[in-house]
Amino acid sequence: MKVGRKKVLRLSREVDNYSDLYIVWNPKTKFIAYYDCEHEVFCDIAPFDDFIENAKVYMQKVIDGEFDNPS
């Protein structure tokens, strides 16, 4: 999928009850990222291995808005 001018690989179909939130792979930075299409926020979260090991922690941070700095 495209996020603005960025091409990303969408990894999630939906995140909990948030229909406008997607978990994606950012091939340019090689990070797992998220895209909130309602607020048009795109942000890298963590490298793949770190995200897999701590997915629950990172997802809670996404939901709590700790990564809301647009990139």
Protein backbone atom coordinates (compact mmCIF):
# COMPACT_ATOMS: atom_id res chain seq x y z
CA MET A 1 0.00 0.00 0.00
CA LYS A 2 1.06 3.62 -0.34
CA VAL A 3 1.18 6.09 2.51
CA GLY A 4 1.63 9.44 0.88
CA ARG A 5 4.71 8.92 -1.28
CA LYS A 6 5.98 5.95 0.74
CA LYS A 7 5.48 2.35 -0.32
CA VAL A 8 4.93 0.01 2.64
CA LEU A 9 3.86 -3.59 3.12
CA ARG A 10 0.65 -3.87 5.11
CA LEU A 11 0.99 -6.62 7.74
CA SER A 12 -2.27 -6.30 9.65
CA ARG A 13 -5.85 -6.52 8.54
CA GLU A 14 -7.13 -4.75 11.63
CA VAL A 15 -5.80 -3.86 15.05
CA ASP A 16 -8.25 -4.68 17.83
CA ASN A 17 -11.24 -2.34 17.37
CA TYR A 18 -9.26 0.31 15.50
CA SER A 19 -10.34 0.00 11.86
CA ASP A 20 -8.13 2.93 10.77
CA LEU A 21 -4.89 1.62 12.29
CA TYR A 22 -2.50 -0.57 10.27
CA ILE A 23 0.75 -2.29 11.15
CA VAL A 24 3.12 -2.09 8.18
CA TRP A 25 6.70 -2.90 7.15
CA ASN A 26 8.71 0.13 6.11
CA PRO A 27 11.29 -1.26 3.63
CA LYS A 28 13.26 1.99 3.50
CA THR A 29 14.09 2.00 7.24
CA LYS A 30 13.60 -1.78 7.75
CA PHE A 31 11.31 -1.08 10.72
CA ILE A 32 7.84 -2.19 11.67
CA ALA A 33 5.69 0.94 11.56
CA TYR A 34 2.08 1.94 11.97
CA TYR A 35 -0.22 4.09 9.93
CA ASP A 36 -3.29 5.76 11.40
CA CYS A 37 -5.30 6.75 8.33
CA GLU A 38 -7.91 8.68 10.35
CA HIS A 39 -5.29 11.09 11.74
CA GLU A 40 -2.82 10.60 8.86
CA VAL A 41 0.00 9.61 11.22
CA PHE A 42 2.82 7.33 10.02
CA CYS A 43 5.60 6.36 12.40
CA ASP A 44 8.31 3.72 12.69
CA ILE A 45 7.98 1.56 15.80
CA ALA A 46 10.93 -0.85 16.03
CA PRO A 47 13.16 -3.24 14.11
CA PHE A 48 11.40 -6.50 13.22
CA ASP A 49 13.15 -8.75 15.78
CA ASP A 50 12.58 -6.31 18.63
CA PHE A 51 8.94 -5.82 17.66
CA ILE A 52 8.30 -9.59 17.57
CA GLU A 53 9.89 -10.05 21.01
CA ASN A 54 7.93 -7.16 22.56
CA ALA A 55 4.83 -6.84 20.39
CA LYS A 56 2.44 -6.38 23.32
CA VAL A 57 4.51 -3.51 24.75
CA TYR A 58 4.85 -1.75 21.39
CA MET A 59 1.17 -2.14 20.52
CA GLN A 60 0.15 -0.63 23.86
CA LYS A 61 2.47 2.32 23.14
CA VAL A 62 0.85 2.78 19.71
CA ILE A 63 -2.64 2.74 21.24
CA ASP A 64 -1.55 5.15 24.00
CA GLY A 65 -0.20 7.58 21.37
CA GLU A 66 3.46 7.40 22.38
CA PHE A 67 4.61 7.27 18.71
CA ASP A 68 2.50 10.17 17.41
CA ASN A 69 5.42 12.13 15.93
CA PRO A 70 4.78 12.12 12.16
CA SER A 71 7.69 11.13 9.95
